[in-house]
Amino acid sequence: LILPVGDVGEPFIDAGDIADVAVA
């Protein structure tokens, strides 16, 4: 995987969690 990003921390989230929040 080649990307233009270094050691930046990202709090990746599950799309399923987003969907659960939306449904609520």
PDBML (XML) file of the C-alpha atoms, coordinates in Angstrom:
<?xml version="1.0" encoding="UTF-8" ?>
<PDBx:datablock datablockName="MODEL"
   xmlns:PDBx="http://pdbml.pdb.org/schema/pdbx-v50.xsd"
   xmlns:xsi="http://www.w3.org/2001/XMLSchema-instance"
   xsi:schemaLocation="http://pdbml.pdb.org/schema/pdbx-v50.xsd pdbx-v50.xsd">
   <PDBx:atom_siteCategory>
      <PDBx:atom_site id="1">
         <PDBx:B_iso_or_equiv>0.00</PDBx:B_iso_or_equiv>
         <PDBx:Cartn_x>0.000</PDBx:Cartn_x>
         <PDBx:Cartn_y>0.000</PDBx:Cartn_y>
         <PDBx:Cartn_z>0.000</PDBx:Cartn_z>
         <PDBx:auth_asym_id>A</PDBx:auth_asym_id>
         <PDBx:auth_atom_id>CA</PDBx:auth_atom_id>
         <PDBx:auth_comp_id>LEU</PDBx:auth_comp_id>
         <PDBx:auth_seq_id>1</PDBx:auth_seq_id>
         <PDBx:group_PDB>ATOM</PDBx:group_PDB>
         <PDBx:label_alt_id xsi:nil="true" />
         <PDBx:label_asym_id>A</PDBx:label_asym_id>
         <PDBx:label_atom_id>CA</PDBx:label_atom_id>
         <PDBx:label_comp_id>LEU</PDBx:label_comp_id>
         <PDBx:label_entity_id>1</PDBx:label_entity_id>
         <PDBx:label_seq_id>1</PDBx:label_seq_id>
         <PDBx:occupancy>1.00</PDBx:occupancy>
         <PDBx:pdbx_PDB_model_num>1</PDBx:pdbx_PDB_model_num>
         <PDBx:type_symbol>C</PDBx:type_symbol>
      </PDBx:atom_site>
      <PDBx:atom_site id="2">
         <PDBx:B_iso_or_equiv>0.00</PDBx:B_iso_or_equiv>
         <PDBx:Cartn_x>1.578</PDBx:Cartn_x>
         <PDBx:Cartn_y>3.259</PDBx:Cartn_y>
         <PDBx:Cartn_z>-1.183</PDBx:Cartn_z>
         <PDBx:auth_asym_id>A</PDBx:auth_asym_id>
         <PDBx:auth_atom_id>CA</PDBx:auth_atom_id>
         <PDBx:auth_comp_id>ILE</PDBx:auth_comp_id>
         <PDBx:auth_seq_id>2</PDBx:auth_seq_id>
         <PDBx:group_PDB>ATOM</PDBx:group_PDB>
         <PDBx:label_alt_id xsi:nil="true" />
         <PDBx:label_asym_id>A</PDBx:label_asym_id>
         <PDBx:label_atom_id>CA</PDBx:label_atom_id>
         <PDBx:label_comp_id>ILE</PDBx:label_comp_id>
         <PDBx:label_entity_id>1</PDBx:label_entity_id>
         <PDBx:label_seq_id>2</PDBx:label_seq_id>
         <PDBx:occupancy>1.00</PDBx:occupancy>
         <PDBx:pdbx_PDB_model_num>1</PDBx:pdbx_PDB_model_num>
         <PDBx:type_symbol>C</PDBx:type_symbol>
      </PDBx:atom_site>
      <PDBx:atom_site id="3">
         <PDBx:B_iso_or_equiv>0.00</PDBx:B_iso_or_equiv>
         <PDBx:Cartn_x>0.229</PDBx:Cartn_x>
         <PDBx:Cartn_y>6.493</PDBx:Cartn_y>
         <PDBx:Cartn_z>0.288</PDBx:Cartn_z>
         <PDBx:auth_asym_id>A</PDBx:auth_asym_id>
         <PDBx:auth_atom_id>CA</PDBx:auth_atom_id>
         <PDBx:auth_comp_id>LEU</PDBx:auth_comp_id>
         <PDBx:auth_seq_id>3</PDBx:auth_seq_id>
         <PDBx:group_PDB>ATOM</PDBx:group_PDB>
         <PDBx:label_alt_id xsi:nil="true" />
         <PDBx:label_asym_id>A</PDBx:label_asym_id>
         <PDBx:label_atom_id>CA</PDBx:label_atom_id>
         <PDBx:label_comp_id>LEU</PDBx:label_comp_id>
         <PDBx:label_entity_id>1</PDBx:label_entity_id>
         <PDBx:label_seq_id>3</PDBx:label_seq_id>
         <PDBx:occupancy>1.00</PDBx:occupancy>
         <PDBx:pdbx_PDB_model_num>1</PDBx:pdbx_PDB_model_num>
         <PDBx:type_symbol>C</PDBx:type_symbol>
      </PDBx:atom_site>
      <PDBx:atom_site id="4">
         <PDBx:B_iso_or_equiv>0.00</PDBx:B_iso_or_equiv>
         <PDBx:Cartn_x>1.484</PDBx:Cartn_x>
         <PDBx:Cartn_y>10.072</PDBx:Cartn_y>
         <PDBx:Cartn_z>0.799</PDBx:Cartn_z>
         <PDBx:auth_asym_id>A</PDBx:auth_asym_id>
         <PDBx:auth_atom_id>CA</PDBx:auth_atom_id>
         <PDBx:auth_comp_id>PRO</PDBx:auth_comp_id>
         <PDBx:auth_seq_id>4</PDBx:auth_seq_id>
         <PDBx:group_PDB>ATOM</PDBx:group_PDB>
         <PDBx:label_alt_id xsi:nil="true" />
         <PDBx:label_asym_id>A</PDBx:label_asym_id>
         <PDBx:label_atom_id>CA</PDBx:label_atom_id>
         <PDBx:label_comp_id>PRO</PDBx:label_comp_id>
         <PDBx:label_entity_id>1</PDBx:label_entity_id>
         <PDBx:label_seq_id>4</PDBx:label_seq_id>
         <PDBx:occupancy>1.00</PDBx:occupancy>
         <PDBx:pdbx_PDB_model_num>1</PDBx:pdbx_PDB_model_num>
         <PDBx:type_symbol>C</PDBx:type_symbol>
      </PDBx:atom_site>
      <PDBx:atom_site id="5">
         <PDBx:B_iso_or_equiv>0.00</PDBx:B_iso_or_equiv>
         <PDBx:Cartn_x>1.261</PDBx:Cartn_x>
         <PDBx:Cartn_y>9.938</PDBx:Cartn_y>
         <PDBx:Cartn_z>4.591</PDBx:Cartn_z>
         <PDBx:auth_asym_id>A</PDBx:auth_asym_id>
         <PDBx:auth_atom_id>CA</PDBx:auth_atom_id>
         <PDBx:auth_comp_id>VAL</PDBx:auth_comp_id>
         <PDBx:auth_seq_id>5</PDBx:auth_seq_id>
         <PDBx:group_PDB>ATOM</PDBx:group_PDB>
         <PDBx:label_alt_id xsi:nil="true" />
         <PDBx:label_asym_id>A</PDBx:label_asym_id>
         <PDBx:label_atom_id>CA</PDBx:label_atom_id>
         <PDBx:label_comp_id>VAL</PDBx:label_comp_id>
         <PDBx:label_entity_id>1</PDBx:label_entity_id>
         <PDBx:label_seq_id>5</PDBx:label_seq_id>
         <PDBx:occupancy>1.00</PDBx:occupancy>
         <PDBx:pdbx_PDB_model_num>1</PDBx:pdbx_PDB_model_num>
         <PDBx:type_symbol>C</PDBx:type_symbol>
      </PDBx:atom_site>
      <PDBx:atom_site id="6">
         <PDBx:B_iso_or_equiv>0.00</PDBx:B_iso_or_equiv>
         <PDBx:Cartn_x>3.764</PDBx:Cartn_x>
         <PDBx:Cartn_y>9.256</PDBx:Cartn_y>
         <PDBx:Cartn_z>7.340</PDBx:Cartn_z>
         <PDBx:auth_asym_id>A</PDBx:auth_asym_id>
         <PDBx:auth_atom_id>CA</PDBx:auth_atom_id>
         <PDBx:auth_comp_id>GLY</PDBx:auth_comp_id>
         <PDBx:auth_seq_id>6</PDBx:auth_seq_id>
         <PDBx:group_PDB>ATOM</PDBx:group_PDB>
         <PDBx:label_alt_id xsi:nil="true" />
         <PDBx:label_asym_id>A</PDBx:label_asym_id>
         <PDBx:label_atom_id>CA</PDBx:label_atom_id>
         <PDBx:label_comp_id>GLY</PDBx:label_comp_id>
         <PDBx:label_entity_id>1</PDBx:label_entity_id>
         <PDBx:label_seq_id>6</PDBx:label_seq_id>
         <PDBx:occupancy>1.00</PDBx:occupancy>
         <PDBx:pdbx_PDB_model_num>1</PDBx:pdbx_PDB_model_num>
         <PDBx:type_symbol>C</PDBx:type_symbol>
      </PDBx:atom_site>
      <PDBx:atom_site id="7">
         <PDBx:B_iso_or_equiv>0.00</PDBx:B_iso_or_equiv>
         <PDBx:Cartn_x>3.446</PDBx:Cartn_x>
         <PDBx:Cartn_y>8.550</PDBx:Cartn_y>
         <PDBx:Cartn_z>11.043</PDBx:Cartn_z>
         <PDBx:auth_asym_id>A</PDBx:auth_asym_id>
         <PDBx:auth_atom_id>CA</PDBx:auth_atom_id>
         <PDBx:auth_comp_id>ASP</PDBx:auth_comp_id>
         <PDBx:auth_seq_id>7</PDBx:auth_seq_id>
         <PDBx:group_PDB>ATOM</PDBx:group_PDB>
         <PDBx:label_alt_id xsi:nil="true" />
         <PDBx:label_asym_id>A</PDBx:label_asym_id>
         <PDBx:label_atom_id>CA</PDBx:label_atom_id>
         <PDBx:label_comp_id>ASP</PDBx:label_comp_id>
         <PDBx:label_entity_id>1</PDBx:label_entity_id>
         <PDBx:label_seq_id>7</PDBx:label_seq_id>
         <PDBx:occupancy>1.00</PDBx:occupancy>
         <PDBx:pdbx_PDB_model_num>1</PDBx:pdbx_PDB_model_num>
         <PDBx:type_symbol>C</PDBx:type_symbol>
      </PDBx:atom_site>
      <PDBx:atom_site id="8">
         <PDBx:B_iso_or_equiv>0.00</PDBx:B_iso_or_equiv>
         <PDBx:Cartn_x>0.228</PDBx:Cartn_x>
         <PDBx:Cartn_y>10.487</PDBx:Cartn_y>
         <PDBx:Cartn_z>11.562</PDBx:Cartn_z>
         <PDBx:auth_asym_id>A</PDBx:auth_asym_id>
         <PDBx:auth_atom_id>CA</PDBx:auth_atom_id>
         <PDBx:auth_comp_id>VAL</PDBx:auth_comp_id>
         <PDBx:auth_seq_id>8</PDBx:auth_seq_id>
         <PDBx:group_PDB>ATOM</PDBx:group_PDB>
         <PDBx:label_alt_id xsi:nil="true" />
         <PDBx:label_asym_id>A</PDBx:label_asym_id>
         <PDBx:label_atom_id>CA</PDBx:label_atom_id>
         <PDBx:label_comp_id>VAL</PDBx:label_comp_id>
         <PDBx:label_entity_id>1</PDBx:label_entity_id>
         <PDBx:label_seq_id>8</PDBx:label_seq_id>
         <PDBx:occupancy>1.00</PDBx:occupancy>
         <PDBx:pdbx_PDB_model_num>1</PDBx:pdbx_PDB_model_num>
         <PDBx:type_symbol>C</PDBx:type_symbol>
      </PDBx:atom_site>
      <PDBx:atom_site id="9">
         <PDBx:B_iso_or_equiv>0.00</PDBx:B_iso_or_equiv>
         <PDBx:Cartn_x>-2.166</PDBx:Cartn_x>
         <PDBx:Cartn_y>8.882</PDBx:Cartn_y>
         <PDBx:Cartn_z>14.017</PDBx:Cartn_z>
         <PDBx:auth_asym_id>A</PDBx:auth_asym_id>
         <PDBx:auth_atom_id>CA</PDBx:auth_atom_id>
         <PDBx:auth_comp_id>GLY</PDBx:auth_comp_id>
         <PDBx:auth_seq_id>9</PDBx:auth_seq_id>
         <PDBx:group_PDB>ATOM</PDBx:group_PDB>
         <PDBx:label_alt_id xsi:nil="true" />
         <PDBx:label_asym_id>A</PDBx:label_asym_id>
         <PDBx:label_atom_id>CA</PDBx:label_atom_id>
         <PDBx:label_comp_id>GLY</PDBx:label_comp_id>
         <PDBx:label_entity_id>1</PDBx:label_entity_id>
         <PDBx:label_seq_id>9</PDBx:label_seq_id>
         <PDBx:occupancy>1.00</PDBx:occupancy>
         <PDBx:pdbx_PDB_model_num>1</PDBx:pdbx_PDB_model_num>
         <PDBx:type_symbol>C</PDBx:type_symbol>
      </PDBx:atom_site>
      <PDBx:atom_site id="10">
         <PDBx:B_iso_or_equiv>0.00</PDBx:B_iso_or_equiv>
         <PDBx:Cartn_x>-5.775</PDBx:Cartn_x>
         <PDBx:Cartn_y>8.527</PDBx:Cartn_y>
         <PDBx:Cartn_z>12.850</PDBx:Cartn_z>
         <PDBx:auth_asym_id>A</PDBx:auth_asym_id>
         <PDBx:auth_atom_id>CA</PDBx:auth_atom_id>
         <PDBx:auth_comp_id>GLU</PDBx:auth_comp_id>
         <PDBx:auth_seq_id>10</PDBx:auth_seq_id>
         <PDBx:group_PDB>ATOM</PDBx:group_PDB>
         <PDBx:label_alt_id xsi:nil="true" />
         <PDBx:label_asym_id>A</PDBx:label_asym_id>
         <PDBx:label_atom_id>CA</PDBx:label_atom_id>
         <PDBx:label_comp_id>GLU</PDBx:label_comp_id>
         <PDBx:label_entity_id>1</PDBx:label_entity_id>
         <PDBx:label_seq_id>10</PDBx:label_seq_id>
         <PDBx:occupancy>1.00</PDBx:occupancy>
         <PDBx:pdbx_PDB_model_num>1</PDBx:pdbx_PDB_model_num>
         <PDBx:type_symbol>C</PDBx:type_symbol>
      </PDBx:atom_site>
      <PDBx:atom_site id="11">
         <PDBx:B_iso_or_equiv>0.00</PDBx:B_iso_or_equiv>
         <PDBx:Cartn_x>-8.634</PDBx:Cartn_x>
         <PDBx:Cartn_y>7.260</PDBx:Cartn_y>
         <PDBx:Cartn_z>15.072</PDBx:Cartn_z>
         <PDBx:auth_asym_id>A</PDBx:auth_asym_id>
         <PDBx:auth_atom_id>CA</PDBx:auth_atom_id>
         <PDBx:auth_comp_id>PRO</PDBx:auth_comp_id>
         <PDBx:auth_seq_id>11</PDBx:auth_seq_id>
         <PDBx:group_PDB>ATOM</PDBx:group_PDB>
         <PDBx:label_alt_id xsi:nil="true" />
         <PDBx:label_asym_id>A</PDBx:label_asym_id>
         <PDBx:label_atom_id>CA</PDBx:label_atom_id>
         <PDBx:label_comp_id>PRO</PDBx:label_comp_id>
         <PDBx:label_entity_id>1</PDBx:label_entity_id>
         <PDBx:label_seq_id>11</PDBx:label_seq_id>
         <PDBx:occupancy>1.00</PDBx:occupancy>
         <PDBx:pdbx_PDB_model_num>1</PDBx:pdbx_PDB_model_num>
         <PDBx:type_symbol>C</PDBx:type_symbol>
      </PDBx:atom_site>
      <PDBx:atom_site id="12">
         <PDBx:B_iso_or_equiv>0.00</PDBx:B_iso_or_equiv>
         <PDBx:Cartn_x>-10.136</PDBx:Cartn_x>
         <PDBx:Cartn_y>5.054</PDBx:Cartn_y>
         <PDBx:Cartn_z>12.356</PDBx:Cartn_z>
         <PDBx:auth_asym_id>A</PDBx:auth_asym_id>
         <PDBx:auth_atom_id>CA</PDBx:auth_atom_id>
         <PDBx:auth_comp_id>PHE</PDBx:auth_comp_id>
         <PDBx:auth_seq_id>12</PDBx:auth_seq_id>
         <PDBx:group_PDB>ATOM</PDBx:group_PDB>
         <PDBx:label_alt_id xsi:nil="true" />
         <PDBx:label_asym_id>A</PDBx:label_asym_id>
         <PDBx:label_atom_id>CA</PDBx:label_atom_id>
         <PDBx:label_comp_id>PHE</PDBx:label_comp_id>
         <PDBx:label_entity_id>1</PDBx:label_entity_id>
         <PDBx:label_seq_id>12</PDBx:label_seq_id>
         <PDBx:occupancy>1.00</PDBx:occupancy>
         <PDBx:pdbx_PDB_model_num>1</PDBx:pdbx_PDB_model_num>
         <PDBx:type_symbol>C</PDBx:type_symbol>
      </PDBx:atom_site>
      <PDBx:atom_site id="13">
         <PDBx:B_iso_or_equiv>0.00</PDBx:B_iso_or_equiv>
         <PDBx:Cartn_x>-13.805</PDBx:Cartn_x>
         <PDBx:Cartn_y>4.185</PDBx:Cartn_y>
         <PDBx:Cartn_z>12.928</PDBx:Cartn_z>
         <PDBx:auth_asym_id>A</PDBx:auth_asym_id>
         <PDBx:auth_atom_id>CA</PDBx:auth_atom_id>
         <PDBx:auth_comp_id>ILE</PDBx:auth_comp_id>
         <PDBx:auth_seq_id>13</PDBx:auth_seq_id>
         <PDBx:group_PDB>ATOM</PDBx:group_PDB>
         <PDBx:label_alt_id xsi:nil="true" />
         <PDBx:label_asym_id>A</PDBx:label_asym_id>
         <PDBx:label_atom_id>CA</PDBx:label_atom_id>
         <PDBx:label_comp_id>ILE</PDBx:label_comp_id>
         <PDBx:label_entity_id>1</PDBx:label_entity_id>
         <PDBx:label_seq_id>13</PDBx:label_seq_id>
         <PDBx:occupancy>1.00</PDBx:occupancy>
         <PDBx:pdbx_PDB_model_num>1</PDBx:pdbx_PDB_model_num>
         <PDBx:type_symbol>C</PDBx:type_symbol>
      </PDBx:atom_site>
      <PDBx:atom_site id="14">
         <PDBx:B_iso_or_equiv>0.00</PDBx:B_iso_or_equiv>
         <PDBx:Cartn_x>-16.052</PDBx:Cartn_x>
         <PDBx:Cartn_y>1.340</PDBx:Cartn_y>
         <PDBx:Cartn_z>11.844</PDBx:Cartn_z>
         <PDBx:auth_asym_id>A</PDBx:auth_asym_id>
         <PDBx:auth_atom_id>CA</PDBx:auth_atom_id>
         <PDBx:auth_comp_id>ASP</PDBx:auth_comp_id>
         <PDBx:auth_seq_id>14</PDBx:auth_seq_id>
         <PDBx:group_PDB>ATOM</PDBx:group_PDB>
         <PDBx:label_alt_id xsi:nil="true" />
         <PDBx:label_asym_id>A</PDBx:label_asym_id>
         <PDBx:label_atom_id>CA</PDBx:label_atom_id>
         <PDBx:label_comp_id>ASP</PDBx:label_comp_id>
         <PDBx:label_entity_id>1</PDBx:label_entity_id>
         <PDBx:label_seq_id>14</PDBx:label_seq_id>
         <PDBx:occupancy>1.00</PDBx:occupancy>
         <PDBx:pdbx_PDB_model_num>1</PDBx:pdbx_PDB_model_num>
         <PDBx:type_symbol>C</PDBx:type_symbol>
      </PDBx:atom_site>
      <PDBx:atom_site id="15">
         <PDBx:B_iso_or_equiv>0.00</PDBx:B_iso_or_equiv>
         <PDBx:Cartn_x>-18.662</PDBx:Cartn_x>
         <PDBx:Cartn_y>2.390</PDBx:Cartn_y>
         <PDBx:Cartn_z>9.264</PDBx:Cartn_z>
         <PDBx:auth_asym_id>A</PDBx:auth_asym_id>
         <PDBx:auth_atom_id>CA</PDBx:auth_atom_id>
         <PDBx:auth_comp_id>ALA</PDBx:auth_comp_id>
         <PDBx:auth_seq_id>15</PDBx:auth_seq_id>
         <PDBx:group_PDB>ATOM</PDBx:group_PDB>
         <PDBx:label_alt_id xsi:nil="true" />
         <PDBx:label_asym_id>A</PDBx:label_asym_id>
         <PDBx:label_atom_id>CA</PDBx:label_atom_id>
         <PDBx:label_comp_id>ALA</PDBx:label_comp_id>
         <PDBx:label_entity_id>1</PDBx:label_entity_id>
         <PDBx:label_seq_id>15</PDBx:label_seq_id>
         <PDBx:occupancy>1.00</PDBx:occupancy>
         <PDBx:pdbx_PDB_model_num>1</PDBx:pdbx_PDB_model_num>
         <PDBx:type_symbol>C</PDBx:type_symbol>
      </PDBx:atom_site>
      <PDBx:atom_site id="16">
         <PDBx:B_iso_or_equiv>0.00</PDBx:B_iso_or_equiv>
         <PDBx:Cartn_x>-20.998</PDBx:Cartn_x>
         <PDBx:Cartn_y>0.083</PDBx:Cartn_y>
         <PDBx:Cartn_z>11.159</PDBx:Cartn_z>
         <PDBx:auth_asym_id>A</PDBx:auth_asym_id>
         <PDBx:auth_atom_id>CA</PDBx:auth_atom_id>
         <PDBx:auth_comp_id>GLY</PDBx:auth_comp_id>
         <PDBx:auth_seq_id>16</PDBx:auth_seq_id>
         <PDBx:group_PDB>ATOM</PDBx:group_PDB>
         <PDBx:label_alt_id xsi:nil="true" />
         <PDBx:label_asym_id>A</PDBx:label_asym_id>
         <PDBx:label_atom_id>CA</PDBx:label_atom_id>
         <PDBx:label_comp_id>GLY</PDBx:label_comp_id>
         <PDBx:label_entity_id>1</PDBx:label_entity_id>
         <PDBx:label_seq_id>16</PDBx:label_seq_id>
         <PDBx:occupancy>1.00</PDBx:occupancy>
         <PDBx:pdbx_PDB_model_num>1</PDBx:pdbx_PDB_model_num>
         <PDBx:type_symbol>C</PDBx:type_symbol>
      </PDBx:atom_site>
      <PDBx:atom_site id="17">
         <PDBx:B_iso_or_equiv>0.00</PDBx:B_iso_or_equiv>
         <PDBx:Cartn_x>-20.662</PDBx:Cartn_x>
         <PDBx:Cartn_y>2.265</PDBx:Cartn_y>
         <PDBx:Cartn_z>14.247</PDBx:Cartn_z>
         <PDBx:auth_asym_id>A</PDBx:auth_asym_id>
         <PDBx:auth_atom_id>CA</PDBx:auth_atom_id>
         <PDBx:auth_comp_id>ASP</PDBx:auth_comp_id>
         <PDBx:auth_seq_id>17</PDBx:auth_seq_id>
         <PDBx:group_PDB>ATOM</PDBx:group_PDB>
         <PDBx:label_alt_id xsi:nil="true" />
         <PDBx:label_asym_id>A</PDBx:label_asym_id>
         <PDBx:label_atom_id>CA</PDBx:label_atom_id>
         <PDBx:label_comp_id>ASP</PDBx:label_comp_id>
         <PDBx:label_entity_id>1</PDBx:label_entity_id>
         <PDBx:label_seq_id>17</PDBx:label_seq_id>
         <PDBx:occupancy>1.00</PDBx:occupancy>
         <PDBx:pdbx_PDB_model_num>1</PDBx:pdbx_PDB_model_num>
         <PDBx:type_symbol>C</PDBx:type_symbol>
      </PDBx:atom_site>
      <PDBx:atom_site id="18">
         <PDBx:B_iso_or_equiv>0.00</PDBx:B_iso_or_equiv>
         <PDBx:Cartn_x>-21.502</PDBx:Cartn_x>
         <PDBx:Cartn_y>5.328</PDBx:Cartn_y>
         <PDBx:Cartn_z>12.165</PDBx:Cartn_z>
         <PDBx:auth_asym_id>A</PDBx:auth_asym_id>
         <PDBx:auth_atom_id>CA</PDBx:auth_atom_id>
         <PDBx:auth_comp_id>ILE</PDBx:auth_comp_id>
         <PDBx:auth_seq_id>18</PDBx:auth_seq_id>
         <PDBx:group_PDB>ATOM</PDBx:group_PDB>
         <PDBx:label_alt_id xsi:nil="true" />
         <PDBx:label_asym_id>A</PDBx:label_asym_id>
         <PDBx:label_atom_id>CA</PDBx:label_atom_id>
         <PDBx:label_comp_id>ILE</PDBx:label_comp_id>
         <PDBx:label_entity_id>1</PDBx:label_entity_id>
         <PDBx:label_seq_id>18</PDBx:label_seq_id>
         <PDBx:occupancy>1.00</PDBx:occupancy>
         <PDBx:pdbx_PDB_model_num>1</PDBx:pdbx_PDB_model_num>
         <PDBx:type_symbol>C</PDBx:type_symbol>
      </PDBx:atom_site>
      <PDBx:atom_site id="19">
         <PDBx:B_iso_or_equiv>0.00</PDBx:B_iso_or_equiv>
         <PDBx:Cartn_x>-24.551</PDBx:Cartn_x>
         <PDBx:Cartn_y>3.527</PDBx:Cartn_y>
         <PDBx:Cartn_z>10.787</PDBx:Cartn_z>
         <PDBx:auth_asym_id>A</PDBx:auth_asym_id>
         <PDBx:auth_atom_id>CA</PDBx:auth_atom_id>
         <PDBx:auth_comp_id>ALA</PDBx:auth_comp_id>
         <PDBx:auth_seq_id>19</PDBx:auth_seq_id>
         <PDBx:group_PDB>ATOM</PDBx:group_PDB>
         <PDBx:label_alt_id xsi:nil="true" />
         <PDBx:label_asym_id>A</PDBx:label_asym_id>
         <PDBx:label_atom_id>CA</PDBx:label_atom_id>
         <PDBx:label_comp_id>ALA</PDBx:label_comp_id>
         <PDBx:label_entity_id>1</PDBx:label_entity_id>
         <PDBx:label_seq_id>19</PDBx:label_seq_id>
         <PDBx:occupancy>1.00</PDBx:occupancy>
         <PDBx:pdbx_PDB_model_num>1</PDBx:pdbx_PDB_model_num>
         <PDBx:type_symbol>C</PDBx:type_symbol>
      </PDBx:atom_site>
      <PDBx:atom_site id="20">
         <PDBx:B_iso_or_equiv>0.00</PDBx:B_iso_or_equiv>
         <PDBx:Cartn_x>-25.678</PDBx:Cartn_x>
         <PDBx:Cartn_y>2.594</PDBx:Cartn_y>
         <PDBx:Cartn_z>14.295</PDBx:Cartn_z>
         <PDBx:auth_asym_id>A</PDBx:auth_asym_id>
         <PDBx:auth_atom_id>CA</PDBx:auth_atom_id>
         <PDBx:auth_comp_id>ASP</PDBx:auth_comp_id>
         <PDBx:auth_seq_id>20</PDBx:auth_seq_id>
         <PDBx:group_PDB>ATOM</PDBx:group_PDB>
         <PDBx:label_alt_id xsi:nil="true" />
         <PDBx:label_asym_id>A</PDBx:label_asym_id>
         <PDBx:label_atom_id>CA</PDBx:label_atom_id>
         <PDBx:label_comp_id>ASP</PDBx:label_comp_id>
         <PDBx:label_entity_id>1</PDBx:label_entity_id>
         <PDBx:label_seq_id>20</PDBx:label_seq_id>
         <PDBx:occupancy>1.00</PDBx:occupancy>
         <PDBx:pdbx_PDB_model_num>1</PDBx:pdbx_PDB_model_num>
         <PDBx:type_symbol>C</PDBx:type_symbol>
      </PDBx:atom_site>
      <PDBx:atom_site id="21">
         <PDBx:B_iso_or_equiv>0.00</PDBx:B_iso_or_equiv>
         <PDBx:Cartn_x>-25.436</PDBx:Cartn_x>
         <PDBx:Cartn_y>6.234</PDBx:Cartn_y>
         <PDBx:Cartn_z>15.393</PDBx:Cartn_z>
         <PDBx:auth_asym_id>A</PDBx:auth_asym_id>
         <PDBx:auth_atom_id>CA</PDBx:auth_atom_id>
         <PDBx:auth_comp_id>VAL</PDBx:auth_comp_id>
         <PDBx:auth_seq_id>21</PDBx:auth_seq_id>
         <PDBx:group_PDB>ATOM</PDBx:group_PDB>
         <PDBx:label_alt_id xsi:nil="true" />
         <PDBx:label_asym_id>A</PDBx:label_asym_id>
         <PDBx:label_atom_id>CA</PDBx:label_atom_id>
         <PDBx:label_comp_id>VAL</PDBx:label_comp_id>
         <PDBx:label_entity_id>1</PDBx:label_entity_id>
         <PDBx:label_seq_id>21</PDBx:label_seq_id>
         <PDBx:occupancy>1.00</PDBx:occupancy>
         <PDBx:pdbx_PDB_model_num>1</PDBx:pdbx_PDB_model_num>
         <PDBx:type_symbol>C</PDBx:type_symbol>
      </PDBx:atom_site>
      <PDBx:atom_site id="22">
         <PDBx:B_iso_or_equiv>0.00</PDBx:B_iso_or_equiv>
         <PDBx:Cartn_x>-27.368</PDBx:Cartn_x>
         <PDBx:Cartn_y>7.329</PDBx:Cartn_y>
         <PDBx:Cartn_z>12.304</PDBx:Cartn_z>
         <PDBx:auth_asym_id>A</PDBx:auth_asym_id>
         <PDBx:auth_atom_id>CA</PDBx:auth_atom_id>
         <PDBx:auth_comp_id>ALA</PDBx:auth_comp_id>
         <PDBx:auth_seq_id>22</PDBx:auth_seq_id>
         <PDBx:group_PDB>ATOM</PDBx:group_PDB>
         <PDBx:label_alt_id xsi:nil="true" />
         <PDBx:label_asym_id>A</PDBx:label_asym_id>
         <PDBx:label_atom_id>CA</PDBx:label_atom_id>
         <PDBx:label_comp_id>ALA</PDBx:label_comp_id>
         <PDBx:label_entity_id>1</PDBx:label_entity_id>
         <PDBx:label_seq_id>22</PDBx:label_seq_id>
         <PDBx:occupancy>1.00</PDBx:occupancy>
         <PDBx:pdbx_PDB_model_num>1</PDBx:pdbx_PDB_model_num>
         <PDBx:type_symbol>C</PDBx:type_symbol>
      </PDBx:atom_site>
      <PDBx:atom_site id="23">
         <PDBx:B_iso_or_equiv>0.00</PDBx:B_iso_or_equiv>
         <PDBx:Cartn_x>-30.125</PDBx:Cartn_x>
         <PDBx:Cartn_y>4.774</PDBx:Cartn_y>
         <PDBx:Cartn_z>12.883</PDBx:Cartn_z>
         <PDBx:auth_asym_id>A</PDBx:auth_asym_id>
         <PDBx:auth_atom_id>CA</PDBx:auth_atom_id>
         <PDBx:auth_comp_id>VAL</PDBx:auth_comp_id>
         <PDBx:auth_seq_id>23</PDBx:auth_seq_id>
         <PDBx:group_PDB>ATOM</PDBx:group_PDB>
         <PDBx:label_alt_id xsi:nil="true" />
         <PDBx:label_asym_id>A</PDBx:label_asym_id>
         <PDBx:label_atom_id>CA</PDBx:label_atom_id>
         <PDBx:label_comp_id>VAL</PDBx:label_comp_id>
         <PDBx:label_entity_id>1</PDBx:label_entity_id>
         <PDBx:label_seq_id>23</PDBx:label_seq_id>
         <PDBx:occupancy>1.00</PDBx:occupancy>
         <PDBx:pdbx_PDB_model_num>1</PDBx:pdbx_PDB_model_num>
         <PDBx:type_symbol>C</PDBx:type_symbol>
      </PDBx:atom_site>
      <PDBx:atom_site id="24">
         <PDBx:B_iso_or_equiv>0.00</PDBx:B_iso_or_equiv>
         <PDBx:Cartn_x>-30.459</PDBx:Cartn_x>
         <PDBx:Cartn_y>5.867</PDBx:Cartn_y>
         <PDBx:Cartn_z>16.494</PDBx:Cartn_z>
         <PDBx:auth_asym_id>A</PDBx:auth_asym_id>
         <PDBx:auth_atom_id>CA</PDBx:auth_atom_id>
         <PDBx:auth_comp_id>ALA</PDBx:auth_comp_id>
         <PDBx:auth_seq_id>24</PDBx:auth_seq_id>
         <PDBx:group_PDB>ATOM</PDBx:group_PDB>
         <PDBx:label_alt_id xsi:nil="true" />
         <PDBx:label_asym_id>A</PDBx:label_asym_id>
         <PDBx:label_atom_id>CA</PDBx:label_atom_id>
         <PDBx:label_comp_id>ALA</PDBx:label_comp_id>
         <PDBx:label_entity_id>1</PDBx:label_entity_id>
         <PDBx:label_seq_id>24</PDBx:label_seq_id>
         <PDBx:occupancy>1.00</PDBx:occupancy>
         <PDBx:pdbx_PDB_model_num>1</PDBx:pdbx_PDB_model_num>
         <PDBx:type_symbol>C</PDBx:type_symbol>
      </PDBx:atom_site>
   </PDBx:atom_siteCategory>
</PDBx:datablock>
